[in-house]
């Protein structure tokens, strides 16, 4: 099973992980956000639904994603492009979009201010 971890990570911590990976120390597959607020800004409820629909489903067109979600194609198109811009979804060479993971693990800690 191919799992991606969505984490809150500072730029320095992300850079350290990158350097370790560059040296050959596997770090796993991560999508990093600078703050919990940014996760919630990027991953709205509708976008989570889109990711849930696409998880493990392989490449699909935006129209197919909209059909599975029973949503308007234009609205799904907007969400897809927000997730593409954030680096969460990928566009395949042949055109369809893809979330190439079978599972998502979200990890962040909320601490007292």
PDB file of N, CA and C in Angstrom:
ATOM      1  N   UNK A   1       0.844  -1.173   0.000  1.00  0.00           N
ATOM      2  CA  UNK A   1       0.000   0.000   0.000  1.00  0.00           C
ATOM      3  C   UNK A   1       0.891   1.238   0.000  1.00  0.00           C
ATOM      4  N   UNK A   2       0.599   2.156  -0.881  1.00  0.00           N
ATOM      5  CA  UNK A   2       1.372   3.389  -0.998  1.00  0.00           C
ATOM      6  C   UNK A   2       0.663   4.488  -0.201  1.00  0.00           C
ATOM      7  N   UNK A   3       1.318   4.928   0.885  1.00  0.00           N
ATOM      8  CA  UNK A   3       0.736   5.918   1.788  1.00  0.00           C
ATOM      9  C   UNK A   3       1.511   7.213   1.695  1.00  0.00           C
ATOM     10  N   UNK A   4       0.790   8.334   1.760  1.00  0.00           N
ATOM     11  CA  UNK A   4       1.400   9.655   1.836  1.00  0.00           C
ATOM     12  C   UNK A   4       1.071  10.234   3.201  1.00  0.00           C
ATOM     13  N   UNK A   5       2.037  10.907   3.800  1.00  0.00           N
ATOM     14  CA  UNK A   5       1.821  11.591   5.077  1.00  0.00           C
ATOM     15  C   UNK A   5       1.723  13.085   4.806  1.00  0.00           C
ATOM     16  N   UNK A   6       0.635  13.685   5.277  1.00  0.00           N
ATOM     17  CA  UNK A   6       0.485  15.136   5.215  1.00  0.00           C
ATOM     18  C   UNK A   6       0.844  15.659   6.596  1.00  0.00           C
ATOM     19  N   UNK A   7       1.855  16.523   6.651  1.00  0.00           N
ATOM     20  CA  UNK A   7       2.396  16.964   7.932  1.00  0.00           C
ATOM     21  C   UNK A   7       2.535  18.482   7.967  1.00  0.00           C
ATOM     22  N   UNK A   8       2.565  18.998   9.190  1.00  0.00           N
ATOM     23  CA  UNK A   8       2.943  20.390   9.404  1.00  0.00           C
ATOM     24  C   UNK A   8       4.434  20.361   9.713  1.00  0.00           C
ATOM     25  N   UNK A   9       5.195  21.123   8.956  1.00  0.00           N
ATOM     26  CA  UNK A   9       6.640  21.087   9.099  1.00  0.00           C
ATOM     27  C   UNK A   9       7.221  22.450   8.763  1.00  0.00           C
ATOM     28  N   UNK A  10       8.161  22.904   9.591  1.00  0.00           N
ATOM     29  CA  UNK A  10       8.835  24.172   9.309  1.00  0.00           C
ATOM     30  C   UNK A  10       9.720  24.016   8.078  1.00  0.00           C
ATOM     31  N   UNK A  11      10.086  25.113   7.497  1.00  0.00           N
ATOM     32  CA  UNK A  11      10.971  25.093   6.323  1.00  0.00           C
ATOM     33  C   UNK A  11      12.297  24.419   6.683  1.00  0.00           C
ATOM     34  N   UNK A  12      12.839  24.714   7.870  1.00  0.00           N
ATOM     35  CA  UNK A  12      14.116  24.125   8.286  1.00  0.00           C
ATOM     36  C   UNK A  12      14.008  22.610   8.419  1.00  0.00           C
ATOM     37  N   UNK A  13      12.938  22.123   9.036  1.00  0.00           N
ATOM     38  CA  UNK A  13      12.762  20.684   9.210  1.00  0.00           C
ATOM     39  C   UNK A  13      12.591  20.005   7.853  1.00  0.00           C
ATOM     40  N   UNK A  14      11.831  20.624   6.965  1.00  0.00           N
ATOM     41  CA  UNK A  14      11.636  20.074   5.622  1.00  0.00           C
ATOM     42  C   UNK A  14      12.971  20.011   4.882  1.00  0.00           C
ATOM     43  N   UNK A  15      13.775  21.059   5.009  1.00  0.00           N
ATOM     44  CA  UNK A  15      15.088  21.075   4.356  1.00  0.00           C
ATOM     45  C   UNK A  15      16.001  19.974   4.911  1.00  0.00           C
ATOM     46  N   UNK A  16      15.966  19.751   6.237  1.00  0.00           N
ATOM     47  CA  UNK A  16      16.784  18.684   6.830  1.00  0.00           C
ATOM     48  C   UNK A  16      16.372  17.319   6.292  1.00  0.00           C
ATOM     49  N   UNK A  17      15.057  17.088   6.188  1.00  0.00           N
ATOM     50  CA  UNK A  17      14.569  15.815   5.633  1.00  0.00           C
ATOM     51  C   UNK A  17      14.998  15.655   4.185  1.00  0.00           C
ATOM     52  N   UNK A  18      14.935  16.751   3.425  1.00  0.00           N
ATOM     53  CA  UNK A  18      15.350  16.715   2.029  1.00  0.00           C
ATOM     54  C   UNK A  18      16.825  16.327   1.921  1.00  0.00           C
ATOM     55  N   UNK A  19      17.659  16.928   2.756  1.00  0.00           N
ATOM     56  CA  UNK A  19      19.094  16.623   2.705  1.00  0.00           C
ATOM     57  C   UNK A  19      19.364  15.165   3.092  1.00  0.00           C
ATOM     58  N   UNK A  20      18.638  14.656   4.083  1.00  0.00           N
ATOM     59  CA  UNK A  20      18.791  13.242   4.457  1.00  0.00           C
ATOM     60  C   UNK A  20      18.383  12.336   3.298  1.00  0.00           C
ATOM     61  N   UNK A  21      17.296  12.677   2.650  1.00  0.00           N
ATOM     62  CA  UNK A  21      16.837  11.887   1.501  1.00  0.00           C
ATOM     63  C   UNK A  21      17.861  11.948   0.375  1.00  0.00           C
ATOM     64  N   UNK A  22      18.427  13.116   0.152  1.00  0.00           N
ATOM     65  CA  UNK A  22      19.435  13.291  -0.891  1.00  0.00           C
ATOM     66  C   UNK A  22      20.661  12.424  -0.616  1.00  0.00           C
ATOM     67  N   UNK A  23      20.947  12.187   0.668  1.00  0.00           N
ATOM     68  CA  UNK A  23      22.080  11.347   1.058  1.00  0.00           C
ATOM     69  C   UNK A  23      21.732   9.859   1.022  1.00  0.00           C
ATOM     70  N   UNK A  24      20.471   9.534   0.678  1.00  0.00           N
ATOM     71  CA  UNK A  24      20.082   8.137   0.533  1.00  0.00           C
ATOM     72  C   UNK A  24      19.271   7.587   1.695  1.00  0.00           C
ATOM     73  N   UNK A  25      18.978   8.407   2.698  1.00  0.00           N
ATOM     74  CA  UNK A  25      18.190   7.965   3.853  1.00  0.00           C
ATOM     75  C   UNK A  25      16.709   8.196   3.550  1.00  0.00           C
ATOM     76  N   UNK A  26      15.995   7.109   3.272  1.00  0.00           N
ATOM     77  CA  UNK A  26      14.589   7.219   2.871  1.00  0.00           C
ATOM     78  C   UNK A  26      13.769   7.938   3.937  1.00  0.00           C
ATOM     79  N   UNK A  27      12.977   8.899   3.510  1.00  0.00           N
ATOM     80  CA  UNK A  27      12.148   9.687   4.417  1.00  0.00           C
ATOM     81  C   UNK A  27      10.669   9.367   4.267  1.00  0.00           C
ATOM     82  N   UNK A  28      10.317   8.499   3.344  1.00  0.00           N
ATOM     83  CA  UNK A  28       8.908   8.230   3.067  1.00  0.00           C
ATOM     84  C   UNK A  28       8.357   9.289   2.124  1.00  0.00           C
ATOM     85  N   UNK A  29       7.062   9.256   1.920  1.00  0.00           N
ATOM     86  CA  UNK A  29       6.422  10.212   1.021  1.00  0.00           C
ATOM     87  C   UNK A  29       5.623  11.195   1.859  1.00  0.00           C
ATOM     88  N   UNK A  30       5.955  12.479   1.720  1.00  0.00           N
ATOM     89  CA  UNK A  30       5.334  13.525   2.523  1.00  0.00           C
ATOM     90  C   UNK A  30       4.801  14.651   1.650  1.00  0.00           C
ATOM     91  N   UNK A  31       3.740  15.258   2.120  1.00  0.00           N
ATOM     92  CA  UNK A  31       3.276  16.544   1.615  1.00  0.00           C
ATOM     93  C   UNK A  31       3.282  17.450   2.835  1.00  0.00           C
ATOM     94  N   UNK A  32       4.091  18.499   2.804  1.00  0.00           N
ATOM     95  CA  UNK A  32       4.283  19.353   3.972  1.00  0.00           C
ATOM     96  C   UNK A  32       3.522  20.664   3.847  1.00  0.00           C
ATOM     97  N   UNK A  33       3.010  21.110   4.979  1.00  0.00           N
ATOM     98  CA  UNK A  33       2.347  22.406   5.102  1.00  0.00           C
ATOM     99  C   UNK A  33       3.039  23.163   6.223  1.00  0.00           C
ATOM    100  N   UNK A  34       3.081  24.485   6.116  1.00  0.00           N
ATOM    101  CA  UNK A  34       3.766  25.284   7.130  1.00  0.00           C
ATOM    102  C   UNK A  34       2.957  25.461   8.404  1.00  0.00           C
ATOM    103  N   UNK A  35       1.642  25.251   8.344  1.00  0.00           N
ATOM    104  CA  UNK A  35       0.804  25.437   9.527  1.00  0.00           C
ATOM    105  C   UNK A  35      -0.480  24.620   9.397  1.00  0.00           C
ATOM    106  N   UNK A  36      -1.120  24.301  10.530  1.00  0.00           N
ATOM    107  CA  UNK A  36      -2.417  23.637  10.458  1.00  0.00           C
ATOM    108  C   UNK A  36      -3.446  24.490   9.706  1.00  0.00           C
ATOM    109  N   UNK A  37      -3.358  25.792   9.874  1.00  0.00           N
ATOM    110  CA  UNK A  37      -4.283  26.685   9.179  1.00  0.00           C
ATOM    111  C   UNK A  37      -4.174  26.534   7.670  1.00  0.00           C
ATOM    112  N   UNK A  38      -2.968  26.338   7.174  1.00  0.00           N
ATOM    113  CA  UNK A  38      -2.770  26.171   5.739  1.00  0.00           C
ATOM    114  C   UNK A  38      -3.361  24.848   5.250  1.00  0.00           C
ATOM    115  N   UNK A  39      -3.246  23.800   6.061  1.00  0.00           N
ATOM    116  CA  UNK A  39      -3.884  22.524   5.690  1.00  0.00           C
ATOM    117  C   UNK A  39      -5.375  22.741   5.474  1.00  0.00           C
ATOM    118  N   UNK A  40      -6.019  23.429   6.441  1.00  0.00           N
ATOM    119  CA  UNK A  40      -7.466  23.618   6.365  1.00  0.00           C
ATOM    120  C   UNK A  40      -7.869  24.590   5.269  1.00  0.00           C
ATOM    121  N   UNK A  41      -6.970  25.498   4.909  1.00  0.00           N
ATOM    122  CA  UNK A  41      -7.256  26.422   3.803  1.00  0.00           C
ATOM    123  C   UNK A  41      -7.200  25.675   2.463  1.00  0.00           C
ATOM    124  N   UNK A  42      -6.190  24.837   2.302  1.00  0.00           N
ATOM    125  CA  UNK A  42      -6.006  24.110   1.044  1.00  0.00           C
ATOM    126  C   UNK A  42      -6.971  22.935   0.945  1.00  0.00           C
ATOM    127  N   UNK A  43      -7.119  22.200   2.026  1.00  0.00           N
ATOM    128  CA  UNK A  43      -7.924  20.977   2.001  1.00  0.00           C
ATOM    129  C   UNK A  43      -9.304  21.240   2.607  1.00  0.00           C
ATOM    130  N   UNK A  44     -10.125  21.915   1.845  1.00  0.00           N
ATOM    131  CA  UNK A  44     -11.499  22.179   2.266  1.00  0.00           C
ATOM    132  C   UNK A  44     -12.281  20.869   2.303  1.00  0.00           C
ATOM    133  N   UNK A  45     -13.472  20.898   2.853  1.00  0.00           N
ATOM    134  CA  UNK A  45     -14.311  19.692   2.929  1.00  0.00           C
ATOM    135  C   UNK A  45     -14.528  19.073   1.552  1.00  0.00           C
ATOM    136  N   UNK A  46     -14.833  19.888   0.560  1.00  0.00           N
ATOM    137  CA  UNK A  46     -15.083  19.371  -0.791  1.00  0.00           C
ATOM    138  C   UNK A  46     -13.810  18.774  -1.396  1.00  0.00           C
ATOM    139  N   UNK A  47     -12.673  19.369  -1.109  1.00  0.00           N
ATOM    140  CA  UNK A  47     -11.407  18.839  -1.636  1.00  0.00           C
ATOM    141  C   UNK A  47     -11.024  17.534  -0.943  1.00  0.00           C
ATOM    142  N   UNK A  48     -11.348  17.398   0.364  1.00  0.00           N
ATOM    143  CA  UNK A  48     -11.144  16.128   1.054  1.00  0.00           C
ATOM    144  C   UNK A  48     -11.993  15.052   0.408  1.00  0.00           C
ATOM    145  N   UNK A  49     -13.235  15.396   0.080  1.00  0.00           N
ATOM    146  CA  UNK A  49     -14.115  14.432  -0.588  1.00  0.00           C
ATOM    147  C   UNK A  49     -13.530  14.006  -1.926  1.00  0.00           C
ATOM    148  N   UNK A  50     -12.971  14.966  -2.646  1.00  0.00           N
ATOM    149  CA  UNK A  50     -12.327  14.668  -3.924  1.00  0.00           C
ATOM    150  C   UNK A  50     -11.139  13.724  -3.716  1.00  0.00           C
ATOM    151  N   UNK A  51     -10.294  14.018  -2.717  1.00  0.00           N
ATOM    152  CA  UNK A  51      -9.152  13.140  -2.442  1.00  0.00           C
ATOM    153  C   UNK A  51      -9.610  11.746  -2.020  1.00  0.00           C
ATOM    154  N   UNK A  52     -10.644  11.673  -1.209  1.00  0.00           N
ATOM    155  CA  UNK A  52     -11.163  10.364  -0.782  1.00  0.00           C
ATOM    156  C   UNK A  52     -11.632   9.563  -1.999  1.00  0.00           C
ATOM    157  N   UNK A  53     -12.292  10.233  -2.934  1.00  0.00           N
ATOM    158  CA  UNK A  53     -12.768   9.575  -4.152  1.00  0.00           C
ATOM    159  C   UNK A  53     -11.610   9.108  -5.026  1.00  0.00           C
ATOM    160  N   UNK A  54     -10.533   9.881  -5.049  1.00  0.00           N
ATOM    161  CA  UNK A  54      -9.407   9.565  -5.925  1.00  0.00           C
ATOM    162  C   UNK A  54      -8.383   8.628  -5.283  1.00  0.00           C
ATOM    163  N   UNK A  55      -8.410   8.477  -3.962  1.00  0.00           N
ATOM    164  CA  UNK A  55      -7.438   7.628  -3.272  1.00  0.00           C
ATOM    165  C   UNK A  55      -7.581   6.185  -3.740  1.00  0.00           C
ATOM    166  N   UNK A  56      -6.502   5.671  -4.320  1.00  0.00           N
ATOM    167  CA  UNK A  56      -6.473   4.295  -4.790  1.00  0.00           C
ATOM    168  C   UNK A  56      -7.243   4.045  -6.072  1.00  0.00           C
ATOM    169  N   UNK A  57      -7.803   5.095  -6.686  1.00  0.00           N
ATOM    170  CA  UNK A  57      -8.658   4.915  -7.866  1.00  0.00           C
ATOM    171  C   UNK A  57      -7.901   4.991  -9.189  1.00  0.00           C
ATOM    172  N   UNK A  58      -6.653   5.419  -9.175  1.00  0.00           N
ATOM    173  CA  UNK A  58      -5.899   5.562 -10.417  1.00  0.00           C
ATOM    174  C   UNK A  58      -6.275   6.840 -11.151  1.00  0.00           C
ATOM    175  N   UNK A  59      -5.666   7.063 -12.315  1.00  0.00           N
ATOM    176  CA  UNK A  59      -5.940   8.282 -13.080  1.00  0.00           C
ATOM    177  C   UNK A  59      -7.403   8.367 -13.511  1.00  0.00           C
ATOM    178  N   UNK A  60      -7.924   9.591 -13.525  1.00  0.00           N
ATOM    179  CA  UNK A  60      -9.287   9.803 -14.011  1.00  0.00           C
ATOM    180  C   UNK A  60      -9.419  11.238 -14.513  1.00  0.00           C
ATOM    181  N   UNK A  61     -10.411  11.430 -15.348  1.00  0.00           N
ATOM    182  CA  UNK A  61     -10.689  12.771 -15.853  1.00  0.00           C
ATOM    183  C   UNK A  61     -11.416  13.574 -14.782  1.00  0.00           C
ATOM    184  N   UNK A  62     -11.395  14.879 -14.938  1.00  0.00           N
ATOM    185  CA  UNK A  62     -12.140  15.746 -14.028  1.00  0.00           C
ATOM    186  C   UNK A  62     -13.627  15.439 -14.134  1.00  0.00           C
ATOM    187  N   UNK A  63     -14.085  15.180 -15.324  1.00  0.00           N
ATOM    188  CA  UNK A  63     -15.500  14.846 -15.537  1.00  0.00           C
ATOM    189  C   UNK A  63     -15.880  13.567 -14.780  1.00  0.00           C
ATOM    190  N   UNK A  64     -14.996  12.576 -14.796  1.00  0.00           N
ATOM    191  CA  UNK A  64     -15.263  11.333 -14.061  1.00  0.00           C
ATOM    192  C   UNK A  64     -15.266  11.580 -12.553  1.00  0.00           C
ATOM    193  N   UNK A  65     -14.339  12.381 -12.079  1.00  0.00           N
ATOM    194  CA  UNK A  65     -14.314  12.713 -10.652  1.00  0.00           C
ATOM    195  C   UNK A  65     -15.608  13.420 -10.257  1.00  0.00           C
ATOM    196  N   UNK A  66     -16.061  14.356 -11.072  1.00  0.00           N
ATOM    197  CA  UNK A  66     -17.313  15.066 -10.792  1.00  0.00           C
ATOM    198  C   UNK A  66     -18.495  14.107 -10.788  1.00  0.00           C
ATOM    199  N   UNK A  67     -18.505  13.150 -11.707  1.00  0.00           N
ATOM    200  CA  UNK A  67     -19.588  12.167 -11.764  1.00  0.00           C
ATOM    201  C   UNK A  67     -19.613  11.333 -10.487  1.00  0.00           C
ATOM    202  N   UNK A  68     -18.439  10.869 -10.052  1.00  0.00           N
ATOM    203  CA  UNK A  68     -18.378  10.048  -8.844  1.00  0.00           C
ATOM    204  C   UNK A  68     -18.784  10.830  -7.595  1.00  0.00           C
ATOM    205  N   UNK A  69     -18.480  12.117  -7.601  1.00  0.00           N
ATOM    206  CA  UNK A  69     -18.817  12.967  -6.455  1.00  0.00           C
ATOM    207  C   UNK A  69     -20.245  13.519  -6.533  1.00  0.00           C
ATOM    208  N   UNK A  70     -20.857  13.363  -7.705  1.00  0.00           N
ATOM    209  CA  UNK A  70     -22.174  13.946  -7.973  1.00  0.00           C
ATOM    210  C   UNK A  70     -22.142  15.457  -7.751  1.00  0.00           C
ATOM    211  N   UNK A  71     -21.110  16.080  -8.355  1.00  0.00           N
ATOM    212  CA  UNK A  71     -20.916  17.529  -8.260  1.00  0.00           C
ATOM    213  C   UNK A  71     -20.785  18.118  -9.653  1.00  0.00           C
ATOM    214  N   UNK A  72     -20.927  19.412  -9.725  1.00  0.00           N
ATOM    215  CA  UNK A  72     -20.778  20.169 -10.959  1.00  0.00           C
ATOM    216  C   UNK A  72     -19.324  20.085 -11.443  1.00  0.00           C
ATOM    217  N   UNK A  73     -19.150  19.845 -12.736  1.00  0.00           N
ATOM    218  CA  UNK A  73     -17.803  19.701 -13.313  1.00  0.00           C
ATOM    219  C   UNK A  73     -16.978  20.967 -13.094  1.00  0.00           C
ATOM    220  N   UNK A  74     -17.583  22.124 -13.257  1.00  0.00           N
ATOM    221  CA  UNK A  74     -16.851  23.386 -13.098  1.00  0.00           C
ATOM    222  C   UNK A  74     -16.322  23.541 -11.665  1.00  0.00           C
ATOM    223  N   UNK A  75     -17.126  23.171 -10.676  1.00  0.00           N
ATOM    224  CA  UNK A  75     -16.694  23.263  -9.277  1.00  0.00           C
ATOM    225  C   UNK A  75     -15.561  22.283  -8.993  1.00  0.00           C
ATOM    226  N   UNK A  76     -15.674  21.060  -9.509  1.00  0.00           N
ATOM    227  CA  UNK A  76     -14.617  20.066  -9.322  1.00  0.00           C
ATOM    228  C   UNK A  76     -13.349  20.519 -10.043  1.00  0.00           C
ATOM    229  N   UNK A  77     -13.500  21.103 -11.218  1.00  0.00           N
ATOM    230  CA  UNK A  77     -12.366  21.633 -11.976  1.00  0.00           C
ATOM    231  C   UNK A  77     -11.596  22.642 -11.123  1.00  0.00           C
ATOM    232  N   UNK A  78     -12.306  23.521 -10.461  1.00  0.00           N
ATOM    233  CA  UNK A  78     -11.682  24.528  -9.602  1.00  0.00           C
ATOM    234  C   UNK A  78     -10.922  23.866  -8.451  1.00  0.00           C
ATOM    235  N   UNK A  79     -11.531  22.876  -7.810  1.00  0.00           N
ATOM    236  CA  UNK A  79     -10.870  22.168  -6.718  1.00  0.00           C
ATOM    237  C   UNK A  79      -9.662  21.384  -7.208  1.00  0.00           C
ATOM    238  N   UNK A  80      -9.775  20.746  -8.349  1.00  0.00           N
ATOM    239  CA  UNK A  80      -8.655  20.001  -8.919  1.00  0.00           C
ATOM    240  C   UNK A  80      -7.473  20.928  -9.145  1.00  0.00           C
ATOM    241  N   UNK A  81      -7.716  22.094  -9.718  1.00  0.00           N
ATOM    242  CA  UNK A  81      -6.608  23.009  -9.999  1.00  0.00           C
ATOM    243  C   UNK A  81      -5.989  23.569  -8.721  1.00  0.00           C
ATOM    244  N   UNK A  82      -6.777  23.768  -7.680  1.00  0.00           N
ATOM    245  CA  UNK A  82      -6.214  24.188  -6.392  1.00  0.00           C
ATOM    246  C   UNK A  82      -5.296  23.099  -5.840  1.00  0.00           C
ATOM    247  N   UNK A  83      -5.706  21.840  -5.971  1.00  0.00           N
ATOM    248  CA  UNK A  83      -4.886  20.729  -5.478  1.00  0.00           C
ATOM    249  C   UNK A  83      -3.676  20.470  -6.371  1.00  0.00           C
ATOM    250  N   UNK A  84      -3.798  20.714  -7.664  1.00  0.00           N
ATOM    251  CA  UNK A  84      -2.638  20.626  -8.558  1.00  0.00           C
ATOM    252  C   UNK A  84      -1.625  21.712  -8.195  1.00  0.00           C
ATOM    253  N   UNK A  85      -2.108  22.940  -7.985  1.00  0.00           N
ATOM    254  CA  UNK A  85      -1.224  24.057  -7.625  1.00  0.00           C
ATOM    255  C   UNK A  85      -0.504  23.799  -6.303  1.00  0.00           C
ATOM    256  N   UNK A  86      -1.169  23.096  -5.373  1.00  0.00           N
ATOM    257  CA  UNK A  86      -0.573  22.786  -4.074  1.00  0.00           C
ATOM    258  C   UNK A  86       0.354  21.566  -4.139  1.00  0.00           C
ATOM    259  N   UNK A  87       0.403  20.901  -5.294  1.00  0.00           N
ATOM    260  CA  UNK A  87       1.264  19.732  -5.446  1.00  0.00           C
ATOM    261  C   UNK A  87       0.687  18.455  -4.861  1.00  0.00           C
ATOM    262  N   UNK A  88      -0.617  18.447  -4.611  1.00  0.00           N
ATOM    263  CA  UNK A  88      -1.252  17.274  -4.009  1.00  0.00           C
ATOM    264  C   UNK A  88      -1.731  16.302  -5.083  1.00  0.00           C
ATOM    265  N   UNK A  89      -2.344  16.821  -6.120  1.00  0.00           N
ATOM    266  CA  UNK A  89      -2.734  15.997  -7.269  1.00  0.00           C
ATOM    267  C   UNK A  89      -1.663  16.115  -8.339  1.00  0.00           C
ATOM    268  N   UNK A  90      -1.629  15.142  -9.221  1.00  0.00           N
ATOM    269  CA  UNK A  90      -0.693  15.152 -10.342  1.00  0.00           C
ATOM    270  C   UNK A  90      -1.471  14.985 -11.636  1.00  0.00           C
ATOM    271  N   UNK A  91      -0.939  15.549 -12.679  1.00  0.00           N
ATOM    272  CA  UNK A  91      -1.503  15.349 -14.009  1.00  0.00           C
ATOM    273  C   UNK A  91      -0.632  14.317 -14.717  1.00  0.00           C
ATOM    274  N   UNK A  92      -1.262  13.307 -15.292  1.00  0.00           N
ATOM    275  CA  UNK A  92      -0.504  12.274 -15.999  1.00  0.00           C
ATOM    276  C   UNK A  92      -0.065  12.797 -17.362  1.00  0.00           C
ATOM    277  N   UNK A  93       0.880  12.094 -17.972  1.00  0.00           N
ATOM    278  CA  UNK A  93       1.364  12.498 -19.298  1.00  0.00           C
ATOM    279  C   UNK A  93       0.252  12.483 -20.338  1.00  0.00           C
ATOM    280  N   UNK A  94      -0.710  11.579 -20.163  1.00  0.00           N
ATOM    281  CA  UNK A  94      -1.794  11.472 -21.144  1.00  0.00           C
ATOM    282  C   UNK A  94      -2.975  12.402 -20.832  1.00  0.00           C
ATOM    283  N   UNK A  95      -2.908  13.143 -19.719  1.00  0.00           N
ATOM    284  CA  UNK A  95      -3.934  14.147 -19.456  1.00  0.00           C
ATOM    285  C   UNK A  95      -4.762  13.996 -18.205  1.00  0.00           C
ATOM    286  N   UNK A  96      -5.188  12.773 -17.811  1.00  0.00           N
ATOM    287  CA  UNK A  96      -6.020  12.663 -16.607  1.00  0.00           C
ATOM    288  C   UNK A  96      -5.276  13.092 -15.345  1.00  0.00           C
ATOM    289  N   UNK A  97      -6.023  13.336 -14.300  1.00  0.00           N
ATOM    290  CA  UNK A  97      -5.447  13.685 -13.010  1.00  0.00           C
ATOM    291  C   UNK A  97      -5.307  12.431 -12.172  1.00  0.00           C
ATOM    292  N   UNK A  98      -4.428  12.501 -11.156  1.00  0.00           N
ATOM    293  CA  UNK A  98      -4.196  11.320 -10.336  1.00  0.00           C
ATOM    294  C   UNK A  98      -3.778  11.728  -8.929  1.00  0.00           C
ATOM    295  N   UNK A  99      -4.255  10.997  -7.958  1.00  0.00           N
ATOM    296  CA  UNK A  99      -3.744  11.042  -6.593  1.00  0.00           C
ATOM    297  C   UNK A  99      -3.147   9.657  -6.388  1.00  0.00           C
ATOM    298  N   UNK A 100      -1.823   9.534  -6.566  1.00  0.00           N
ATOM    299  CA  UNK A 100      -1.206   8.204  -6.698  1.00  0.00           C
ATOM    300  C   UNK A 100      -0.954   7.474  -5.375  1.00  0.00           C
ATOM    301  N   UNK A 101      -1.905   7.546  -4.455  1.00  0.00           N
ATOM    302  CA  UNK A 101      -1.742   6.923  -3.153  1.00  0.00           C
ATOM    303  C   UNK A 101      -2.961   6.084  -2.814  1.00  0.00           C
ATOM    304  N   UNK A 102      -2.731   5.057  -1.982  1.00  0.00           N
ATOM    305  CA  UNK A 102      -3.804   4.183  -1.522  1.00  0.00           C
ATOM    306  C   UNK A 102      -4.312   4.597  -0.147  1.00  0.00           C
ATOM    307  N   UNK A 103      -3.534   5.452   0.545  1.00  0.00           N
ATOM    308  CA  UNK A 103      -3.911   5.885   1.885  1.00  0.00           C
ATOM    309  C   UNK A 103      -3.265   7.237   2.183  1.00  0.00           C
ATOM    310  N   UNK A 104      -3.894   7.982   3.092  1.00  0.00           N
ATOM    311  CA  UNK A 104      -3.401   9.286   3.530  1.00  0.00           C
ATOM    312  C   UNK A 104      -3.347   9.273   5.051  1.00  0.00           C
ATOM    313  N   UNK A 105      -2.219   9.721   5.581  1.00  0.00           N
ATOM    314  CA  UNK A 105      -2.064   9.882   7.023  1.00  0.00           C
ATOM    315  C   UNK A 105      -1.792  11.361   7.276  1.00  0.00           C
ATOM    316  N   UNK A 106      -2.625  12.001   8.097  1.00  0.00           N
ATOM    317  CA  UNK A 106      -2.451  13.412   8.415  1.00  0.00           C
ATOM    318  C   UNK A 106      -1.896  13.501   9.825  1.00  0.00           C
ATOM    319  N   UNK A 107      -0.819  14.279   9.998  1.00  0.00           N
ATOM    320  CA  UNK A 107      -0.159  14.353  11.289  1.00  0.00           C
ATOM    321  C   UNK A 107       0.243  15.785  11.609  1.00  0.00           C
ATOM    322  N   UNK A 108      -0.363  16.340  12.664  1.00  0.00           N
ATOM    323  CA  UNK A 108       0.090  17.611  13.191  1.00  0.00           C
ATOM    324  C   UNK A 108      -0.340  17.714  14.635  1.00  0.00           C
ATOM    325  N   UNK A 109       0.345  18.569  15.392  1.00  0.00           N
ATOM    326  CA  UNK A 109       0.035  18.736  16.799  1.00  0.00           C
ATOM    327  C   UNK A 109      -0.403  20.168  17.041  1.00  0.00           C
ATOM    328  N   UNK A 110      -1.477  20.315  17.797  1.00  0.00           N
ATOM    329  CA  UNK A 110      -1.966  21.621  18.195  1.00  0.00           C
ATOM    330  C   UNK A 110      -1.472  21.872  19.609  1.00  0.00           C
ATOM    331  N   UNK A 111      -0.711  22.949  19.782  1.00  0.00           N
ATOM    332  CA  UNK A 111      -0.131  23.258  21.090  1.00  0.00           C
ATOM    333  C   UNK A 111      -0.677  24.574  21.611  1.00  0.00           C
ATOM    334  N   UNK A 112      -0.564  24.769  22.894  1.00  0.00           N
ATOM    335  CA  UNK A 112      -1.014  26.013  23.516  1.00  0.00           C
ATOM    336  C   UNK A 112      -0.223  27.185  22.932  1.00  0.00           C
ATOM    337  N   UNK A 113      -0.907  28.301  22.767  1.00  0.00           N
ATOM    338  CA  UNK A 113      -0.273  29.494  22.173  1.00  0.00           C
ATOM    339  C   UNK A 113       0.699  30.133  23.139  1.00  0.00           C
TER     340      UNK A 113
END
